[in-house]
Amino acid sequence: MIFNKLTITNLGNFSGTHVLRLRSSDTKAIKPIVLFGGLNGAGKTTIFDAIKLCLYGPEMFGAIGVAKYQEYLKQKIHSSKITVVQPNNASIAVEFEYAHLGTVNTYQVERMWEISGQKVLETLSIEKNGLPLDDIEKDCWQDFIKEIIPLGLSQLFFFDGEKIQSNLHGGERVLRCKFICSTVDSNTNCRSFIRAKTDHSFLRFGIFRLGRQVFSQFLGLY
């Protein structure tokens, strides 16, 4: 599976529509790591959480009530102090390629929500090769996503650099990065290069392999 792009609209501190490409334009290059770096408040966490929210909806939180989840969606809609008319809707779309029985198909999962009175109306749509997914019942779409991208395994290719840094060093330093493994094989065994930015200096390049040794090998980057 290969992630191609992420499209966000009116999400967090992002006004309007923004397209972030998660795949290198050089098809011959092996670059399965996408690193988002920036200052605090720049929107790294918004981008990071957007992918999981798009794919899993309320299940990304585990057990959460409907009212609490709807309040979370409301807070995620962009709000500007300098704009009179505020948006009442937001959306996230993730495009990826998935191979099954030797055939590679392109899927786009889009989650949209809008405020309607006191409620939040949420819709989930899936396209396969540019057309609505019709070979699976709509009520089973969420299960289909979890089957090809299991929620538990997602922790192996969506990494929050700040949380890892805090766990490893007790919060002594702040690793201002989020990184995503954009290529995931059937064995969840992605060998990748990472460059992380801490304070004002770049850490040296390192290699890690997703799996049991991920944290010990990540620690070796220092």
C-alpha atoms as a PDB file:
ATOM      1  CA  MET A   1       0.000   0.000   0.000  1.00  0.00           C
ATOM      2  CA  ILE A   2       1.261   3.456  -0.897  1.00  0.00           C
ATOM      3  CA  PHE A   3      -0.182   6.755   0.308  1.00  0.00           C
ATOM      4  CA  ASN A   4      -0.407   9.292  -2.526  1.00  0.00           C
ATOM      5  CA  LYS A   5      -1.872  12.470  -1.094  1.00  0.00           C
ATOM      6  CA  LEU A   6      -3.829  14.101   1.692  1.00  0.00           C
ATOM      7  CA  THR A   7      -6.432  16.801   1.019  1.00  0.00           C
ATOM      8  CA  ILE A   8      -7.784  18.893   3.877  1.00  0.00           C
ATOM      9  CA  THR A   9     -10.441  21.613   3.742  1.00  0.00           C
ATOM     10  CA  ASN A  10     -11.209  24.095   6.548  1.00  0.00           C
ATOM     11  CA  LEU A  11      -9.461  21.921   9.099  1.00  0.00           C
ATOM     12  CA  GLY A  12      -7.884  23.371  12.245  1.00  0.00           C
ATOM     13  CA  ASN A  13      -5.702  26.341  11.316  1.00  0.00           C
ATOM     14  CA  PHE A  14      -5.907  25.512   7.588  1.00  0.00           C
ATOM     15  CA  SER A  15      -8.365  27.754   5.760  1.00  0.00           C
ATOM     16  CA  GLY A  16      -9.667  26.554   2.413  1.00  0.00           C
ATOM     17  CA  THR A  17      -8.386  23.479   0.596  1.00  0.00           C
ATOM     18  CA  HIS A  18      -4.796  22.233   0.840  1.00  0.00           C
ATOM     19  CA  VAL A  19      -3.310  19.249  -0.987  1.00  0.00           C
ATOM     20  CA  LEU A  20      -0.263  17.552   0.520  1.00  0.00           C
ATOM     21  CA  ARG A  21       1.500  14.994  -1.622  1.00  0.00           C
ATOM     22  CA  LEU A  22       2.739  12.002   0.352  1.00  0.00           C
ATOM     23  CA  ARG A  23       4.583  10.338  -2.503  1.00  0.00           C
ATOM     24  CA  SER A  24       7.759  11.404  -4.252  1.00  0.00           C
ATOM     25  CA  SER A  25       7.370  12.616  -7.823  1.00  0.00           C
ATOM     26  CA  ASP A  26      10.410  10.494  -8.651  1.00  0.00           C
ATOM     27  CA  THR A  27       8.798   7.086  -9.135  1.00  0.00           C
ATOM     28  CA  LYS A  28      12.203   5.370  -9.202  1.00  0.00           C
ATOM     29  CA  ALA A  29      13.273   6.737  -5.838  1.00  0.00           C
ATOM     30  CA  ILE A  30      12.610   4.744  -2.678  1.00  0.00           C
ATOM     31  CA  LYS A  31      11.450   7.430  -0.255  1.00  0.00           C
ATOM     32  CA  PRO A  32       8.813   5.912   2.012  1.00  0.00           C
ATOM     33  CA  ILE A  33       9.095   8.456   4.829  1.00  0.00           C
ATOM     34  CA  VAL A  34       7.258  11.791   4.791  1.00  0.00           C
ATOM     35  CA  LEU A  35       8.403  14.255   7.436  1.00  0.00           C
ATOM     36  CA  PHE A  36       6.362  17.268   8.520  1.00  0.00           C
ATOM     37  CA  GLY A  37       8.382  19.801  10.485  1.00  0.00           C
ATOM     38  CA  GLY A  38       7.582  23.252  11.816  1.00  0.00           C
ATOM     39  CA  LEU A  39       7.188  25.497  14.811  1.00  0.00           C
ATOM     40  CA  ASN A  40       4.630  24.868  17.524  1.00  0.00           C
ATOM     41  CA  GLY A  41       1.165  25.728  16.266  1.00  0.00           C
ATOM     42  CA  ALA A  42       2.122  25.387  12.596  1.00  0.00           C
ATOM     43  CA  GLY A  43      -0.317  22.532  12.064  1.00  0.00           C
ATOM     44  CA  LYS A  44       1.846  19.390  12.287  1.00  0.00           C
ATOM     45  CA  THR A  45      -0.490  17.625  14.685  1.00  0.00           C
ATOM     46  CA  THR A  46      -3.514  18.705  12.643  1.00  0.00           C
ATOM     47  CA  ILE A  47      -2.061  17.023   9.553  1.00  0.00           C
ATOM     48  CA  PHE A  48      -0.984  13.981  11.526  1.00  0.00           C
ATOM     49  CA  ASP A  49      -4.382  13.458  13.173  1.00  0.00           C
ATOM     50  CA  ALA A  50      -6.254  14.227   9.948  1.00  0.00           C
ATOM     51  CA  ILE A  51      -5.144  10.980   8.330  1.00  0.00           C
ATOM     52  CA  LYS A  52      -6.302   8.857  11.251  1.00  0.00           C
ATOM     53  CA  LEU A  53      -9.542  10.813  11.595  1.00  0.00           C
ATOM     54  CA  CYS A  54     -10.283  10.358   7.906  1.00  0.00           C
ATOM     55  CA  LEU A  55      -9.651   6.624   7.970  1.00  0.00           C
ATOM     56  CA  TYR A  56     -11.123   5.644  11.323  1.00  0.00           C
ATOM     57  CA  GLY A  57     -13.488   8.381  12.479  1.00  0.00           C
ATOM     58  CA  PRO A  58     -14.485   8.013  16.144  1.00  0.00           C
ATOM     59  CA  GLU A  59     -12.654   4.683  16.405  1.00  0.00           C
ATOM     60  CA  MET A  60      -9.321   6.510  16.429  1.00  0.00           C
ATOM     61  CA  PHE A  61     -10.161   7.470  20.035  1.00  0.00           C
ATOM     62  CA  GLY A  62     -11.244   4.026  21.160  1.00  0.00           C
ATOM     63  CA  ALA A  63     -14.345   4.329  23.338  1.00  0.00           C
ATOM     64  CA  ILE A  64     -15.878   7.790  22.869  1.00  0.00           C
ATOM     65  CA  GLY A  65     -19.465   9.000  23.155  1.00  0.00           C
ATOM     66  CA  VAL A  66     -21.352  10.479  20.216  1.00  0.00           C
ATOM     67  CA  ALA A  67     -21.721  13.901  21.860  1.00  0.00           C
ATOM     68  CA  LYS A  68     -18.018  14.113  22.676  1.00  0.00           C
ATOM     69  CA  TYR A  69     -17.036  13.041  19.171  1.00  0.00           C
ATOM     70  CA  GLN A  70     -19.359  15.594  17.574  1.00  0.00           C
ATOM     71  CA  GLU A  71     -17.901  18.305  19.786  1.00  0.00           C
ATOM     72  CA  TYR A  72     -14.432  17.265  18.619  1.00  0.00           C
ATOM     73  CA  LEU A  73     -15.524  17.597  14.980  1.00  0.00           C
ATOM     74  CA  LYS A  74     -16.975  21.047  15.674  1.00  0.00           C
ATOM     75  CA  GLN A  75     -13.711  22.216  17.197  1.00  0.00           C
ATOM     76  CA  LYS A  76     -11.782  20.909  14.182  1.00  0.00           C
ATOM     77  CA  ILE A  77     -13.593  23.208  11.750  1.00  0.00           C
ATOM     78  CA  HIS A  78     -11.434  26.202  10.879  1.00  0.00           C
ATOM     79  CA  SER A  79     -12.245  29.449  12.663  1.00  0.00           C
ATOM     80  CA  SER A  80     -10.716  32.831  11.893  1.00  0.00           C
ATOM     81  CA  LYS A  81     -10.780  35.981  14.001  1.00  0.00           C
ATOM     82  CA  ILE A  82     -10.531  38.208  10.917  1.00  0.00           C
ATOM     83  CA  THR A  83     -13.332  36.604   8.901  1.00  0.00           C
ATOM     84  CA  VAL A  84     -16.952  37.583   9.424  1.00  0.00           C
ATOM     85  CA  VAL A  85     -18.461  34.494   7.804  1.00  0.00           C
ATOM     86  CA  GLN A  86     -17.065  31.335   9.379  1.00  0.00           C
ATOM     87  CA  PRO A  87     -17.113  27.948   7.607  1.00  0.00           C
ATOM     88  CA  ASN A  88     -19.542  25.398   8.992  1.00  0.00           C
ATOM     89  CA  ASN A  89     -18.002  22.351   7.348  1.00  0.00           C
ATOM     90  CA  ALA A  90     -14.689  20.560   6.905  1.00  0.00           C
ATOM     91  CA  SER A  91     -13.380  17.539   5.045  1.00  0.00           C
ATOM     92  CA  ILE A  92     -10.374  15.233   4.845  1.00  0.00           C
ATOM     93  CA  ALA A  93      -9.485  12.961   1.930  1.00  0.00           C
ATOM     94  CA  VAL A  94      -6.718  10.345   1.809  1.00  0.00           C
ATOM     95  CA  GLU A  95      -5.691   8.780  -1.489  1.00  0.00           C
ATOM     96  CA  PHE A  96      -3.668   5.580  -1.565  1.00  0.00           C
ATOM     97  CA  GLU A  97      -2.819   2.624  -3.786  1.00  0.00           C
ATOM     98  CA  TYR A  98      -3.610  -0.877  -2.646  1.00  0.00           C
ATOM     99  CA  ALA A  99      -2.658  -4.126  -4.370  1.00  0.00           C
ATOM    100  CA  HIS A 100      -4.894  -7.179  -4.163  1.00  0.00           C
ATOM    101  CA  LEU A 101      -4.341 -10.434  -6.062  1.00  0.00           C
ATOM    102  CA  GLY A 102      -1.759  -8.743  -8.261  1.00  0.00           C
ATOM    103  CA  THR A 103      -3.986  -5.802  -9.221  1.00  0.00           C
ATOM    104  CA  VAL A 104      -3.190  -2.288  -8.013  1.00  0.00           C
ATOM    105  CA  ASN A 105      -6.171  -0.016  -7.413  1.00  0.00           C
ATOM    106  CA  THR A 106      -6.315   3.618  -6.317  1.00  0.00           C
ATOM    107  CA  TYR A 107      -8.677   4.413  -3.457  1.00  0.00           C
ATOM    108  CA  GLN A 108      -9.777   7.731  -2.041  1.00  0.00           C
ATOM    109  CA  VAL A 109     -11.380   7.847   1.385  1.00  0.00           C
ATOM    110  CA  GLU A 110     -13.106  11.124   2.232  1.00  0.00           C
ATOM    111  CA  ARG A 111     -14.722  12.095   5.502  1.00  0.00           C
ATOM    112  CA  MET A 112     -16.839  15.251   5.533  1.00  0.00           C
ATOM    113  CA  TRP A 113     -18.845  16.903   8.265  1.00  0.00           C
ATOM    114  CA  GLU A 114     -20.938  20.037   8.684  1.00  0.00           C
ATOM    115  CA  ILE A 115     -22.795  21.752  11.461  1.00  0.00           C
ATOM    116  CA  SER A 116     -26.579  21.569  11.135  1.00  0.00           C
ATOM    117  CA  GLY A 117     -28.294  23.264  14.048  1.00  0.00           C
ATOM    118  CA  GLN A 118     -27.067  21.598  17.233  1.00  0.00           C
ATOM    119  CA  LYS A 119     -25.870  18.472  15.416  1.00  0.00           C
ATOM    120  CA  VAL A 120     -22.927  17.532  13.266  1.00  0.00           C
ATOM    121  CA  LEU A 121     -23.705  15.593  10.099  1.00  0.00           C
ATOM    122  CA  GLU A 122     -20.857  13.325   9.037  1.00  0.00           C
ATOM    123  CA  THR A 123     -20.498  11.408   5.776  1.00  0.00           C
ATOM    124  CA  LEU A 124     -17.936   8.863   4.618  1.00  0.00           C
ATOM    125  CA  SER A 125     -17.287   8.177   0.946  1.00  0.00           C
ATOM    126  CA  ILE A 126     -14.885   5.862  -0.842  1.00  0.00           C
ATOM    127  CA  GLU A 127     -13.836   5.913  -4.484  1.00  0.00           C
ATOM    128  CA  LYS A 128     -12.035   3.143  -6.322  1.00  0.00           C
ATOM    129  CA  ASN A 129     -10.130   4.216  -9.441  1.00  0.00           C
ATOM    130  CA  GLY A 130     -12.123   7.444  -9.576  1.00  0.00           C
ATOM    131  CA  LEU A 131     -15.553   5.819  -9.256  1.00  0.00           C
ATOM    132  CA  PRO A 132     -17.754   5.304  -6.183  1.00  0.00           C
ATOM    133  CA  LEU A 133     -17.009   2.001  -4.465  1.00  0.00           C
ATOM    134  CA  ASP A 134     -19.971  -0.183  -5.384  1.00  0.00           C
ATOM    135  CA  ASP A 135     -18.716  -3.734  -4.844  1.00  0.00           C
ATOM    136  CA  ILE A 136     -19.023  -3.313  -1.060  1.00  0.00           C
ATOM    137  CA  GLU A 137     -22.136  -2.241   0.812  1.00  0.00           C
ATOM    138  CA  LYS A 138     -21.942   1.305   2.154  1.00  0.00           C
ATOM    139  CA  ASP A 139     -22.618   0.104   5.692  1.00  0.00           C
ATOM    140  CA  CYS A 140     -19.454  -2.015   5.440  1.00  0.00           C
ATOM    141  CA  TRP A 141     -17.135   0.737   4.173  1.00  0.00           C
ATOM    142  CA  GLN A 142     -15.613   1.440   7.576  1.00  0.00           C
ATOM    143  CA  ASP A 143     -14.924  -2.255   8.104  1.00  0.00           C
ATOM    144  CA  PHE A 144     -13.334  -2.410   4.660  1.00  0.00           C
ATOM    145  CA  ILE A 145     -10.928   0.401   5.575  1.00  0.00           C
ATOM    146  CA  LYS A 146      -9.973  -1.300   8.831  1.00  0.00           C
ATOM    147  CA  GLU A 147      -9.379  -4.542   6.968  1.00  0.00           C
ATOM    148  CA  ILE A 148      -6.814  -3.079   4.576  1.00  0.00           C
ATOM    149  CA  ILE A 149      -5.374  -0.560   7.090  1.00  0.00           C
ATOM    150  CA  PRO A 150      -5.938  -2.063  10.562  1.00  0.00           C
ATOM    151  CA  LEU A 151      -6.203   0.517  13.314  1.00  0.00           C
ATOM    152  CA  GLY A 152      -3.702  -1.325  15.497  1.00  0.00           C
ATOM    153  CA  LEU A 153      -1.092  -1.542  12.742  1.00  0.00           C
ATOM    154  CA  SER A 154      -1.516   2.132  11.923  1.00  0.00           C
ATOM    155  CA  GLN A 155       0.604   2.901  14.986  1.00  0.00           C
ATOM    156  CA  LEU A 156       3.532   1.326  13.146  1.00  0.00           C
ATOM    157  CA  PHE A 157       3.490   3.776  10.248  1.00  0.00           C
ATOM    158  CA  PHE A 158       2.068   6.986  11.757  1.00  0.00           C
ATOM    159  CA  PHE A 159       4.638   8.348  14.227  1.00  0.00           C
ATOM    160  CA  ASP A 160       4.414  11.380  16.455  1.00  0.00           C
ATOM    161  CA  GLY A 161       8.009  12.493  16.905  1.00  0.00           C
ATOM    162  CA  GLU A 162       7.167  14.761  19.830  1.00  0.00           C
ATOM    163  CA  LYS A 163       5.562  11.936  21.822  1.00  0.00           C
ATOM    164  CA  ILE A 164       8.411   9.523  21.094  1.00  0.00           C
ATOM    165  CA  GLN A 165      10.930  12.162  22.119  1.00  0.00           C
ATOM    166  CA  SER A 166       9.048  12.806  25.337  1.00  0.00           C
ATOM    167  CA  ASN A 167       8.891   9.098  26.172  1.00  0.00           C
ATOM    168  CA  LEU A 168      12.563   8.501  25.445  1.00  0.00           C
ATOM    169  CA  HIS A 169      14.018  11.562  27.139  1.00  0.00           C
ATOM    170  CA  GLY A 170      11.412  12.567  29.685  1.00  0.00           C
ATOM    171  CA  GLY A 171      10.513  15.694  27.737  1.00  0.00           C
ATOM    172  CA  GLU A 172      13.968  17.247  28.076  1.00  0.00           C
ATOM    173  CA  ARG A 173      13.983  18.157  24.404  1.00  0.00           C
ATOM    174  CA  VAL A 174      11.232  18.777  21.899  1.00  0.00           C
ATOM    175  CA  LEU A 175      11.396  16.926  18.615  1.00  0.00           C
ATOM    176  CA  ARG A 176       9.346  19.129  16.337  1.00  0.00           C
ATOM    177  CA  CYS A 177       8.337  16.649  13.692  1.00  0.00           C
ATOM    178  CA  LYS A 178       5.671  14.231  12.611  1.00  0.00           C
ATOM    179  CA  PHE A 179       6.529  11.504  10.186  1.00  0.00           C
ATOM    180  CA  ILE A 180       4.539   9.018   8.157  1.00  0.00           C
ATOM    181  CA  CYS A 181       5.624   5.815   6.503  1.00  0.00           C
ATOM    182  CA  SER A 182       4.019   6.355   3.100  1.00  0.00           C
ATOM    183  CA  THR A 183       4.810   2.839   1.891  1.00  0.00           C
ATOM    184  CA  VAL A 184       3.589  -0.161   3.858  1.00  0.00           C
ATOM    185  CA  ASP A 185       4.131  -3.703   2.635  1.00  0.00           C
ATOM    186  CA  SER A 186       2.149  -6.788   3.552  1.00  0.00           C
ATOM    187  CA  ASN A 187       4.559  -7.644   6.368  1.00  0.00           C
ATOM    188  CA  THR A 188       4.562  -4.115   7.806  1.00  0.00           C
ATOM    189  CA  ASN A 189       8.310  -4.198   7.389  1.00  0.00           C
ATOM    190  CA  CYS A 190       9.305  -0.834   6.001  1.00  0.00           C
ATOM    191  CA  ARG A 191      12.985   0.073   5.843  1.00  0.00           C
ATOM    192  CA  SER A 192      13.319   3.801   5.724  1.00  0.00           C
ATOM    193  CA  PHE A 193      15.437   6.883   6.159  1.00  0.00           C
ATOM    194  CA  ILE A 194      14.535   9.507   8.738  1.00  0.00           C
ATOM    195  CA  ARG A 195      15.776  13.007   9.215  1.00  0.00           C
ATOM    196  CA  ALA A 196      14.331  14.708  12.248  1.00  0.00           C
ATOM    197  CA  LYS A 197      14.746  18.242  13.424  1.00  0.00           C
ATOM    198  CA  THR A 198      15.269  19.036  17.079  1.00  0.00           C
ATOM    199  CA  ASP A 199      15.662  22.598  18.340  1.00  0.00           C
ATOM    200  CA  HIS A 200      17.601  24.303  15.515  1.00  0.00           C
ATOM    201  CA  SER A 201      19.828  21.465  14.360  1.00  0.00           C
ATOM    202  CA  PHE A 202      19.171  18.410  12.228  1.00  0.00           C
ATOM    203  CA  LEU A 203      19.752  14.967  13.594  1.00  0.00           C
ATOM    204  CA  ARG A 204      21.908  12.775  11.422  1.00  0.00           C
ATOM    205  CA  PHE A 205      20.286  10.309   9.042  1.00  0.00           C
ATOM    206  CA  GLY A 206      19.397   6.945  10.497  1.00  0.00           C
ATOM    207  CA  ILE A 207      17.718   3.762   9.407  1.00  0.00           C
ATOM    208  CA  PHE A 208      15.014   1.899  11.228  1.00  0.00           C
ATOM    209  CA  ARG A 209      12.896  -1.131  10.552  1.00  0.00           C
ATOM    210  CA  LEU A 210       9.283  -1.165  11.638  1.00  0.00           C
ATOM    211  CA  GLY A 211       8.532  -4.021  13.986  1.00  0.00           C
ATOM    212  CA  ARG A 212       9.749  -5.157  17.380  1.00  0.00           C
ATOM    213  CA  GLN A 213      12.982  -3.191  17.279  1.00  0.00           C
ATOM    214  CA  VAL A 214      11.484   0.140  16.216  1.00  0.00           C
ATOM    215  CA  PHE A 215      12.024   2.013  19.475  1.00  0.00           C
ATOM    216  CA  SER A 216      15.518   0.679  20.176  1.00  0.00           C
ATOM    217  CA  GLN A 217      16.618   1.436  16.615  1.00  0.00           C
ATOM    218  CA  PHE A 218      14.980   4.847  16.720  1.00  0.00           C
ATOM    219  CA  LEU A 219      16.911   5.545  19.899  1.00  0.00           C
ATOM    220  CA  GLY A 220      20.064   4.678  17.939  1.00  0.00           C
ATOM    221  CA  LEU A 221      19.540   7.768  15.810  1.00  0.00           C
ATOM    222  CA  TYR A 222      20.805   9.860  18.711  1.00  0.00           C
END
